């Protein structure tokens, strides 16, 4: 997220004001150009107010990775809308697309307003999860409690992570204090006190997308080397991802320490989670705590909803020389139907420009508070979950041509079982052991592996 002159993230009210100012400036500039006879849709960089809007809404992401809408349209058929022009050389895809969308659809800025019903939903979810933790051990054997924790409890925790995410971006209330309290409440059933650290590092993730040491969504080089393409190791990595993330956080503590101003909130986070865990243990015994622990680990791990972490920023993998790839015709059939597909060995497809972020459009968005609208979220971090589908509808030409996922379950299966998937494409170019003939995109922005045909059952285009 953009940082102010004092080193702190801007206040959310300033986020929304700057986005509105950016939209107004972009619209005025477009009107002047059209009045002068320019015509057409202006997707050029907006004036300085638009730049301020990028930073204020969580932008200033300048990792230089290009993201051309419709880059793979030639392999997957024509897009429903003409794709917009590419971002200026060297511009971050989210910042550039945000400017273009605000220039063409200034009404999108009005969607950047808090959505307070998220707080009531958070209270209901917390009460339901803690109630299940205490009640189920009284009526079910231990094995059934653990199965329920994996099958259902993980989904509730997934929803609570989404609520915590909203509070982190201060999209529930206008008051920063009220958002803090919602985040602390949403985190209590997760057992581990992550709300304060998540708030700190997730904001860095937005402001430094793809930068090692700052973006904790990226794997460590040794982590990626150990996992490789091995299905058992990928399964183990996902199953232990809660611990993996803790290790990443500890490894980044020296470079990006938690500010002293956050220490009281970290203490409050530990106190809240510890108090809830003690109360649950007293009311339901160790099996109640085990229910919460299994649900918490599964929600971010080896579970269909845990595949969200793969879907959001891991680029579609490049093929190895020996791996068969599926033709465009086969892929089209596989993504639109569920018939059996065949594979043919072909040469690697033409390189497509790397997408920094991928969206998921499927049923899990109903319980995940639209977390799957991830491209839209990175473009407009100041827009609450309930309005992200409206962003996509309003600016359809900018989104319809991008890769997206339609099934977390099929993605999870493909990631674990297909040796072509690994953690390496998420690494910075210099840390990759197998560069796969990387292309360089943007102005000084590092190479990326050319995406190949995605897993046929999990990736599709509109």
Protein backbone atom coordinates (compact mmCIF):
# COMPACT_ATOMS: atom_id res chain seq x y z
CA UNK A 1 0.00 0.00 0.00
CA UNK A 2 1.23 3.50 -0.67
CA UNK A 3 3.05 5.21 2.20
CA UNK A 4 2.65 8.78 3.32
CA UNK A 5 5.47 11.19 4.03
CA UNK A 6 5.55 10.00 7.63
CA UNK A 7 6.07 6.40 6.52
CA UNK A 8 2.56 5.32 7.46
CA UNK A 9 -0.16 4.12 5.10
CA UNK A 10 -2.61 6.90 4.19
CA UNK A 11 -5.91 6.97 6.08
CA UNK A 12 -8.82 5.24 4.33
CA UNK A 13 -10.83 8.44 4.05
CA UNK A 14 -7.92 9.94 2.16
CA UNK A 15 -7.83 6.82 0.00
CA UNK A 16 -11.38 7.41 -1.13
CA UNK A 17 -10.90 11.16 -1.57
CA UNK A 18 -7.83 10.64 -3.69
CA UNK A 19 -9.54 8.02 -5.83
CA UNK A 20 -12.45 10.40 -6.38
CA UNK A 21 -10.05 13.21 -7.24
CA UNK A 22 -8.23 10.93 -9.66
CA UNK A 23 -11.48 9.98 -11.33
CA UNK A 24 -12.57 13.60 -11.64
CA UNK A 25 -9.23 14.68 -13.08
CA UNK A 26 -9.16 11.79 -15.53
CA UNK A 27 -12.73 12.48 -16.65
CA UNK A 28 -11.98 16.18 -17.11
CA UNK A 29 -8.88 15.40 -19.13
CA UNK A 30 -10.82 12.98 -21.32
CA UNK A 31 -13.55 15.58 -21.92
CA UNK A 32 -11.00 18.19 -22.91
CA UNK A 33 -9.34 15.82 -25.37
CA UNK A 34 -12.65 14.79 -26.89
CA UNK A 35 -13.71 18.42 -27.17
CA UNK A 36 -10.48 19.08 -28.98
CA UNK A 37 -11.29 16.35 -31.47
CA UNK A 38 -9.25 13.50 -30.03
CA UNK A 39 -12.19 11.08 -29.71
CA UNK A 40 -11.98 7.44 -28.70
CA UNK A 41 -11.24 5.97 -25.32
CA UNK A 42 -8.29 7.46 -23.55
CA UNK A 43 -6.20 4.90 -21.72
CA UNK A 44 -3.10 7.02 -21.35
CA UNK A 45 -1.66 7.94 -18.00
CA UNK A 46 -3.87 10.38 -16.13
CA UNK A 47 -2.54 13.65 -14.68
CA UNK A 48 -0.88 13.93 -11.31
CA UNK A 49 -4.13 13.53 -9.41
CA UNK A 50 -4.49 10.06 -10.90
CA UNK A 51 -1.05 9.18 -9.68
CA UNK A 52 -2.08 10.27 -6.21
CA UNK A 53 -5.14 8.08 -6.56
CA UNK A 54 -2.98 5.07 -7.37
CA UNK A 55 -1.01 5.49 -4.16
CA UNK A 56 -4.00 6.32 -2.02
CA UNK A 57 -5.99 3.29 -3.09
CA UNK A 58 -3.18 0.87 -2.37
CA UNK A 59 -1.23 1.30 -5.57
CA UNK A 60 2.23 2.66 -6.23
CA UNK A 61 3.03 -0.95 -7.14
CA UNK A 62 5.87 -0.44 -9.57
CA UNK A 63 7.43 -3.84 -9.97
CA UNK A 64 7.42 -3.33 -13.72
CA UNK A 65 5.62 -6.52 -14.66
CA UNK A 66 3.49 -6.00 -17.75
CA UNK A 67 -0.11 -7.18 -17.83
CA UNK A 68 -1.74 -6.87 -21.23
CA UNK A 69 -5.43 -7.72 -21.23
CA UNK A 70 -6.09 -10.33 -23.82
CA UNK A 71 -2.49 -11.46 -24.18
CA UNK A 72 -3.58 -15.04 -24.78
CA UNK A 73 -6.68 -14.24 -26.84
CA UNK A 74 -5.12 -15.76 -29.94
CA UNK A 75 -4.91 -19.16 -28.26
CA UNK A 76 -8.24 -19.13 -26.48
CA UNK A 77 -10.55 -17.42 -28.95
CA UNK A 78 -11.71 -13.85 -29.36
CA UNK A 79 -12.62 -11.82 -26.28
CA UNK A 80 -16.20 -10.58 -25.86
CA UNK A 81 -14.89 -7.01 -25.86
CA UNK A 82 -11.92 -5.44 -27.68
CA UNK A 83 -9.03 -5.59 -25.19
CA UNK A 84 -7.78 -2.23 -23.91
CA UNK A 85 -4.32 -1.03 -24.91
CA UNK A 86 -1.32 -2.19 -22.86
CA UNK A 87 -0.12 -0.10 -19.91
CA UNK A 88 2.73 2.37 -20.48
CA UNK A 89 6.18 0.80 -20.45
CA UNK A 90 7.43 0.34 -16.90
CA UNK A 91 4.03 0.91 -15.30
CA UNK A 92 2.70 -1.56 -12.78
CA UNK A 93 -0.29 -3.42 -14.26
CA UNK A 94 -2.65 -2.57 -11.41
CA UNK A 95 -1.75 1.13 -11.27
CA UNK A 96 -1.90 1.46 -15.06
CA UNK A 97 -5.21 -0.37 -15.35
CA UNK A 98 -6.67 1.69 -12.49
CA UNK A 99 -5.83 4.91 -14.33
CA UNK A 100 -7.32 3.60 -17.55
CA UNK A 101 -10.52 2.43 -15.84
CA UNK A 102 -10.99 5.71 -13.97
CA UNK A 103 -10.45 7.62 -17.23
CA UNK A 104 -13.09 5.58 -19.05
CA UNK A 105 -15.47 4.74 -16.19
CA UNK A 106 -15.17 7.46 -13.50
CA UNK A 107 -18.30 6.17 -11.75
CA UNK A 108 -16.21 3.27 -10.41
CA UNK A 109 -14.70 5.67 -7.88
CA UNK A 110 -18.09 5.96 -6.16
CA UNK A 111 -17.86 2.28 -5.17
CA UNK A 112 -15.00 3.01 -2.76
CA UNK A 113 -17.06 3.30 0.41
CA UNK A 114 -17.17 1.15 3.59
CA UNK A 115 -19.71 -1.64 3.94
CA UNK A 116 -20.68 -1.89 7.61
CA UNK A 117 -22.86 -5.07 7.39
CA UNK A 118 -19.55 -6.96 7.19
CA UNK A 119 -19.22 -6.37 10.94
CA UNK A 120 -22.53 -8.08 11.71
CA UNK A 121 -21.58 -10.95 9.43
CA UNK A 122 -18.27 -11.28 11.27
CA UNK A 123 -20.04 -11.53 14.64
CA UNK A 124 -22.37 -14.24 13.31
CA UNK A 125 -19.47 -16.25 11.84
CA UNK A 126 -17.39 -16.01 15.03
CA UNK A 127 -20.33 -17.07 17.19
CA UNK A 128 -21.14 -19.97 14.84
CA UNK A 129 -17.56 -21.24 14.74
CA UNK A 130 -17.04 -21.05 18.49
CA UNK A 131 -20.46 -22.59 19.08
CA UNK A 132 -19.63 -25.52 16.78
CA UNK A 133 -16.27 -25.99 18.50
CA UNK A 134 -17.93 -26.34 21.89
CA UNK A 135 -21.03 -28.28 20.80
CA UNK A 136 -19.75 -30.88 18.35
CA UNK A 137 -17.44 -32.70 20.82
CA UNK A 138 -20.47 -33.30 23.03
CA UNK A 139 -22.41 -35.15 20.34
CA UNK A 140 -19.77 -36.61 17.99
CA UNK A 141 -16.79 -38.92 18.39
CA UNK A 142 -13.34 -37.40 17.99
CA UNK A 143 -12.83 -38.55 14.41
CA UNK A 144 -16.14 -36.99 13.36
CA UNK A 145 -15.25 -33.72 15.08
CA UNK A 146 -12.02 -33.56 13.09
CA UNK A 147 -13.80 -34.40 9.83
CA UNK A 148 -16.35 -31.67 10.53
CA UNK A 149 -13.52 -29.23 11.24
CA UNK A 150 -11.92 -29.99 7.87
CA UNK A 151 -15.11 -30.19 5.81
CA UNK A 152 -17.09 -27.32 7.31
CA UNK A 153 -15.00 -25.47 9.88
CA UNK A 154 -12.35 -24.61 7.29
CA UNK A 155 -15.00 -22.94 5.14
CA UNK A 156 -16.16 -20.80 8.07
CA UNK A 157 -12.54 -19.83 8.76
CA UNK A 158 -12.15 -18.98 5.06
CA UNK A 159 -15.04 -16.54 5.43
CA UNK A 160 -13.47 -15.10 8.56
CA UNK A 161 -10.16 -14.57 6.74
CA UNK A 162 -12.13 -12.65 4.12
CA UNK A 163 -13.69 -10.50 6.86
CA UNK A 164 -10.25 -9.91 8.39
CA UNK A 165 -9.01 -8.92 4.94
CA UNK A 166 -11.80 -6.34 4.64
CA UNK A 167 -10.97 -4.90 8.05
CA UNK A 168 -7.27 -4.76 7.12
CA UNK A 169 -8.14 -2.49 4.20
CA UNK A 170 -10.48 -0.52 6.50
CA UNK A 171 -13.49 -1.29 4.33
CA UNK A 172 -15.96 -2.10 7.11
CA UNK A 173 -16.21 1.26 8.90
CA UNK A 174 -14.72 4.68 8.33
CA UNK A 175 -13.16 4.55 11.79
CA UNK A 176 -9.72 2.87 11.85
CA UNK A 177 -10.35 1.80 15.46
CA UNK A 178 -13.62 0.08 14.54
CA UNK A 179 -11.93 -1.76 11.69
CA UNK A 180 -9.17 -2.88 14.05
CA UNK A 181 -11.73 -4.36 16.41
CA UNK A 182 -13.51 -6.19 13.59
CA UNK A 183 -10.17 -7.65 12.49
CA UNK A 184 -9.34 -8.83 16.01
CA UNK A 185 -12.75 -10.43 16.38
CA UNK A 186 -12.53 -12.19 13.01
CA UNK A 187 -9.15 -13.65 13.95
CA UNK A 188 -10.14 -15.20 17.30
CA UNK A 189 -11.40 -18.56 15.93
CA UNK A 190 -8.14 -18.97 13.99
CA UNK A 191 -6.34 -19.49 17.33
CA UNK A 192 -3.01 -18.03 16.12
CA UNK A 193 -3.01 -14.23 16.65
CA UNK A 194 -2.40 -13.12 13.06
CA UNK A 195 -4.59 -10.03 12.66
CA UNK A 196 -1.96 -7.40 13.49
CA UNK A 197 0.87 -9.03 11.56
CA UNK A 198 -1.43 -9.70 8.62
CA UNK A 199 -2.45 -6.05 8.55
CA UNK A 200 1.18 -4.94 8.44
CA UNK A 201 2.45 -7.41 5.87
CA UNK A 202 -0.63 -7.44 3.67
CA UNK A 203 -0.32 -3.71 3.14
CA UNK A 204 3.30 -4.23 2.16
CA UNK A 205 2.12 -6.95 -0.24
CA UNK A 206 -0.05 -4.40 -2.05
CA UNK A 207 2.66 -1.76 -2.11
CA UNK A 208 5.49 -4.11 -3.10
CA UNK A 209 3.82 -6.83 -5.13
CA UNK A 210 6.43 -9.30 -6.35
CA UNK A 211 9.36 -7.81 -4.41
CA UNK A 212 11.33 -10.35 -2.36
CA UNK A 213 11.64 -9.48 1.30
CA UNK A 214 8.64 -7.18 1.21
CA UNK A 215 5.93 -9.33 -0.35
CA UNK A 216 5.42 -12.25 2.04
CA UNK A 217 3.11 -13.88 -0.47
CA UNK A 218 6.27 -14.94 -2.31
CA UNK A 219 8.03 -18.19 -1.39
CA UNK A 220 11.59 -18.18 -0.13
CA UNK A 221 14.11 -19.54 -2.67
CA UNK A 222 15.01 -22.50 -0.45
CA UNK A 223 11.34 -23.22 0.09
CA UNK A 224 10.69 -23.34 -3.65
CA UNK A 225 13.78 -25.46 -4.28
CA UNK A 226 12.71 -28.05 -1.68
CA UNK A 227 9.14 -28.29 -2.93
CA UNK A 228 10.01 -28.43 -6.63
CA UNK A 229 7.44 -30.21 -8.77
CA UNK A 230 7.07 -33.22 -6.46
CA UNK A 231 3.39 -34.01 -5.75
CA UNK A 232 4.08 -35.33 -2.21
CA UNK A 233 6.15 -32.28 -1.33
CA UNK A 234 3.60 -29.88 -2.77
CA UNK A 235 0.90 -31.61 -0.73
CA UNK A 236 3.05 -31.39 2.40
CA UNK A 237 3.84 -27.73 1.71
CA UNK A 238 0.16 -26.88 1.43
CA UNK A 239 -0.78 -28.95 4.47
CA UNK A 240 1.80 -27.06 6.55
CA UNK A 241 1.25 -23.68 4.93
CA UNK A 242 0.19 -22.02 8.20
CA UNK A 243 3.64 -22.88 9.60
CA UNK A 244 5.32 -21.92 6.33
CA UNK A 245 3.77 -18.46 6.50
CA UNK A 246 4.96 -18.09 10.09
CA UNK A 247 8.52 -18.90 8.98
CA UNK A 248 8.29 -16.35 6.15
CA UNK A 249 7.06 -13.72 8.61
CA UNK A 250 9.94 -14.44 10.99
CA UNK A 251 12.45 -14.33 8.13
CA UNK A 252 11.19 -10.88 7.10
CA UNK A 253 11.12 -9.48 10.64
CA UNK A 254 14.57 -7.91 10.34
CA UNK A 255 13.96 -6.21 7.01
CA UNK A 256 10.36 -5.17 7.63
CA UNK A 257 9.84 -5.08 11.41
CA UNK A 258 6.48 -4.36 12.93
CA UNK A 259 6.37 -0.64 13.82
CA UNK A 260 6.38 0.16 17.53
CA UNK A 261 2.96 1.76 17.17
CA UNK A 262 1.61 -1.70 16.33
CA UNK A 263 3.01 -3.43 19.41
CA UNK A 264 0.02 -2.64 21.66
CA UNK A 265 -2.28 -4.04 18.97
CA UNK A 266 -0.11 -7.16 18.72
CA UNK A 267 -0.43 -7.60 22.49
CA UNK A 268 -4.19 -7.12 22.26
CA UNK A 269 -4.29 -9.69 19.45
CA UNK A 270 -2.47 -12.27 21.58
CA UNK A 271 -4.68 -11.50 24.58
CA UNK A 272 -7.91 -11.82 22.58
CA UNK A 273 -6.95 -15.08 20.91
CA UNK A 274 -5.49 -16.54 24.07
CA UNK A 275 -8.59 -15.64 26.04
CA UNK A 276 -10.93 -17.17 23.47
CA UNK A 277 -8.83 -20.35 23.26
CA UNK A 278 -8.87 -20.69 27.05
CA UNK A 279 -12.63 -20.15 27.17
CA UNK A 280 -13.23 -22.73 24.44
CA UNK A 281 -10.99 -25.26 26.22
CA UNK A 282 -12.84 -24.69 29.47
CA UNK A 283 -16.23 -25.12 27.84
CA UNK A 284 -15.50 -27.94 25.38
CA UNK A 285 -12.21 -29.54 26.35
CA UNK A 286 -9.24 -30.33 24.16
CA UNK A 287 -11.40 -31.64 21.32
CA UNK A 288 -13.03 -28.21 20.97
CA UNK A 289 -9.59 -26.62 20.62
CA UNK A 290 -8.62 -29.37 18.15
CA UNK A 291 -11.67 -28.49 16.05
CA UNK A 292 -10.52 -24.87 15.83
CA UNK A 293 -6.92 -25.87 15.10
CA UNK A 294 -7.81 -28.25 12.26
CA UNK A 295 -10.23 -25.74 10.73
CA UNK A 296 -7.63 -22.97 10.93
CA UNK A 297 -4.86 -25.01 9.32
CA UNK A 298 -7.11 -26.40 6.58
CA UNK A 299 -8.51 -22.98 5.64
CA UNK A 300 -5.10 -21.91 4.34
CA UNK A 301 -3.72 -25.32 3.46
CA UNK A 302 -4.53 -28.61 1.76
CA UNK A 303 -8.18 -27.85 1.18
CA UNK A 304 -10.11 -26.50 -1.82
CA UNK A 305 -10.44 -23.06 -0.21
CA UNK A 306 -6.71 -23.18 0.53
CA UNK A 307 -6.09 -23.19 -3.23
CA UNK A 308 -6.98 -19.50 -3.15
CA UNK A 309 -3.36 -18.79 -2.27
CA UNK A 310 -2.24 -20.48 -5.48
CA UNK A 311 -4.90 -18.85 -7.63
CA UNK A 312 -4.18 -15.26 -6.68
CA UNK A 313 -0.60 -14.63 -7.81
CA UNK A 314 1.06 -17.80 -9.07
CA UNK A 315 1.56 -17.42 -12.83
CA UNK A 316 0.34 -20.13 -15.14
CA UNK A 317 3.34 -22.42 -15.40
CA UNK A 318 5.61 -22.83 -18.37
CA UNK A 319 5.99 -26.39 -19.66
CA UNK A 320 9.12 -28.46 -19.40
CA UNK A 321 10.57 -29.64 -22.69
CA UNK A 322 9.34 -33.18 -22.14
CA UNK A 323 5.88 -32.38 -20.85
CA UNK A 324 2.95 -32.69 -23.26
CA UNK A 325 0.80 -29.61 -23.64
CA UNK A 326 -2.83 -29.42 -24.59
CA UNK A 327 -3.95 -27.75 -27.75
CA UNK A 328 -6.18 -24.68 -27.71
CA UNK A 329 -9.10 -26.70 -29.11
CA UNK A 330 -8.72 -29.33 -26.39
CA UNK A 331 -8.49 -26.65 -23.71
CA UNK A 332 -11.63 -24.95 -24.93
CA UNK A 333 -13.52 -28.22 -24.74
CA UNK A 334 -12.10 -29.06 -21.33
CA UNK A 335 -12.97 -25.74 -19.73
CA UNK A 336 -16.49 -25.47 -21.07
CA UNK A 337 -17.50 -29.10 -20.62
CA UNK A 338 -16.45 -31.97 -18.41
CA UNK A 339 -15.74 -34.46 -21.13
CA UNK A 340 -12.54 -36.47 -21.21
CA UNK A 341 -9.68 -34.65 -22.90
CA UNK A 342 -6.74 -35.96 -24.87
CA UNK A 343 -3.21 -34.61 -24.96
CA UNK A 344 -0.83 -34.15 -27.80
CA UNK A 345 2.85 -33.34 -27.60
CA UNK A 346 3.40 -29.93 -29.12
CA UNK A 347 5.98 -27.22 -29.04
CA UNK A 348 5.69 -24.64 -26.29
CA UNK A 349 3.05 -22.05 -27.09
CA UNK A 350 3.92 -18.47 -27.83
CA UNK A 351 4.79 -16.48 -24.74
CA UNK A 352 1.98 -14.41 -23.26
CA UNK A 353 2.58 -11.41 -21.06
CA UNK A 354 2.61 -12.22 -17.37
CA UNK A 355 -0.41 -11.32 -15.26
CA UNK A 356 0.64 -10.09 -11.85
CA UNK A 357 -2.66 -11.27 -10.36
CA UNK A 358 -5.42 -13.74 -11.25
CA UNK A 359 -9.10 -13.79 -10.36
CA UNK A 360 -11.41 -16.66 -9.51
CA UNK A 361 -15.07 -16.56 -10.52
CA UNK A 362 -16.89 -19.45 -8.89
CA UNK A 363 -19.26 -20.49 -6.15
CA UNK A 364 -16.70 -20.12 -3.37
CA UNK A 365 -16.98 -16.35 -3.73
CA UNK A 366 -20.36 -16.68 -2.04
CA UNK A 367 -18.72 -17.77 1.22
CA UNK A 368 -15.38 -16.04 0.65
CA UNK A 369 -16.79 -12.50 0.38
CA UNK A 370 -15.66 -12.23 -3.24
CA UNK A 371 -11.99 -12.80 -2.41
CA UNK A 372 -11.78 -14.40 -5.84
CA UNK A 373 -12.17 -11.01 -7.52
CA UNK A 374 -8.50 -10.51 -6.89
CA UNK A 375 -7.43 -8.58 -9.96
CA UNK A 376 -10.27 -6.17 -9.29
CA UNK A 377 -9.25 -5.93 -5.64
CA UNK A 378 -5.63 -5.09 -6.45
CA UNK A 379 -6.82 -2.52 -8.96
CA UNK A 380 -9.15 -0.93 -6.39
CA UNK A 381 -8.21 -1.90 -2.80
CA UNK A 382 -10.57 0.79 -1.53
CA UNK A 383 -13.67 -0.99 -2.88
CA UNK A 384 -15.39 -3.39 -0.42
CA UNK A 385 -16.12 -6.98 -1.29
CA UNK A 386 -19.79 -6.43 -2.05
CA UNK A 387 -18.95 -4.02 -4.89
CA UNK A 388 -16.09 -5.88 -6.60
CA UNK A 389 -18.43 -7.64 -9.09
CA UNK A 390 -19.74 -4.19 -10.00
CA UNK A 391 -16.19 -3.06 -10.78
CA UNK A 392 -15.77 -5.99 -13.13
CA UNK A 393 -19.11 -5.33 -14.83
CA UNK A 394 -18.45 -1.62 -15.22
CA UNK A 395 -14.98 -2.12 -16.70
CA UNK A 396 -15.59 -5.41 -18.50
CA UNK A 397 -13.22 -4.67 -21.42
CA UNK A 398 -10.34 -4.53 -18.97
CA UNK A 399 -11.13 -7.86 -17.29
CA UNK A 400 -12.89 -10.17 -19.72
CA UNK A 401 -9.72 -11.02 -21.62
CA UNK A 402 -7.66 -12.03 -18.55
CA UNK A 403 -7.04 -15.57 -17.39
CA UNK A 404 -9.18 -16.60 -14.45
CA UNK A 405 -10.06 -19.71 -12.46
CA UNK A 406 -13.48 -21.28 -12.05
CA UNK A 407 -12.81 -24.11 -9.58
CA UNK A 408 -10.59 -24.14 -6.49
CA UNK A 409 -11.03 -27.92 -6.24
CA UNK A 410 -9.75 -28.60 -9.74
CA UNK A 411 -6.95 -26.09 -9.28
CA UNK A 412 -5.89 -27.81 -6.06
CA UNK A 413 -5.79 -31.18 -7.81
CA UNK A 414 -3.87 -29.81 -10.78
CA UNK A 415 -1.33 -27.98 -8.61
CA UNK A 416 -0.56 -31.00 -6.45
CA UNK A 417 -0.54 -33.73 -9.10
CA UNK A 418 0.91 -31.96 -12.16
CA UNK A 419 4.71 -31.82 -11.97
CA UNK A 420 4.64 -28.78 -14.24
CA UNK A 421 3.32 -26.70 -11.35
CA UNK A 422 5.90 -25.48 -8.84
CA UNK A 423 6.63 -22.47 -6.67
CA UNK A 424 9.44 -21.20 -8.89
CA UNK A 425 7.36 -19.01 -11.23
CA UNK A 426 6.38 -16.92 -8.19
CA UNK A 427 10.01 -16.18 -7.35
CA UNK A 428 11.88 -13.09 -8.47
CA UNK A 429 13.72 -13.83 -11.75
CA UNK A 430 17.18 -13.91 -10.18
CA UNK A 431 16.10 -16.57 -7.67
CA UNK A 432 14.67 -19.03 -10.18
CA UNK A 433 16.63 -22.19 -10.73
CA UNK A 434 15.03 -22.90 -14.12
CA UNK A 435 14.34 -19.66 -16.02
CA UNK A 436 12.54 -21.38 -18.94
CA UNK A 437 13.74 -18.79 -21.45
CA UNK A 438 12.27 -15.82 -19.65
CA UNK A 439 11.06 -12.75 -21.46
CA UNK A 440 11.63 -9.25 -20.18
CA UNK A 441 8.55 -7.08 -19.82
CA UNK A 442 8.07 -3.48 -18.92
CA UNK A 443 10.76 -0.90 -18.35
CA UNK A 444 13.36 -2.55 -16.18
CA UNK A 445 10.96 -5.04 -14.69
CA UNK A 446 12.62 -8.45 -14.63
CA UNK A 447 11.86 -11.53 -16.65
CA UNK A 448 8.90 -13.80 -16.22
CA UNK A 449 8.28 -17.34 -17.49
CA UNK A 450 6.04 -17.41 -20.55
CA UNK A 451 2.72 -18.88 -19.42
CA UNK A 452 1.72 -22.07 -21.14
CA UNK A 453 -1.67 -23.67 -21.58
CA UNK A 454 -3.17 -23.67 -18.07
CA UNK A 455 -4.45 -26.79 -16.31
CA UNK A 456 -7.47 -27.68 -18.45
CA UNK A 457 -9.99 -28.23 -15.71
CA UNK A 458 -9.28 -25.16 -13.64
CA UNK A 459 -8.49 -22.24 -15.93
CA UNK A 460 -10.76 -20.58 -18.41
CA UNK A 461 -11.44 -17.27 -20.03
CA UNK A 462 -14.70 -15.45 -20.33
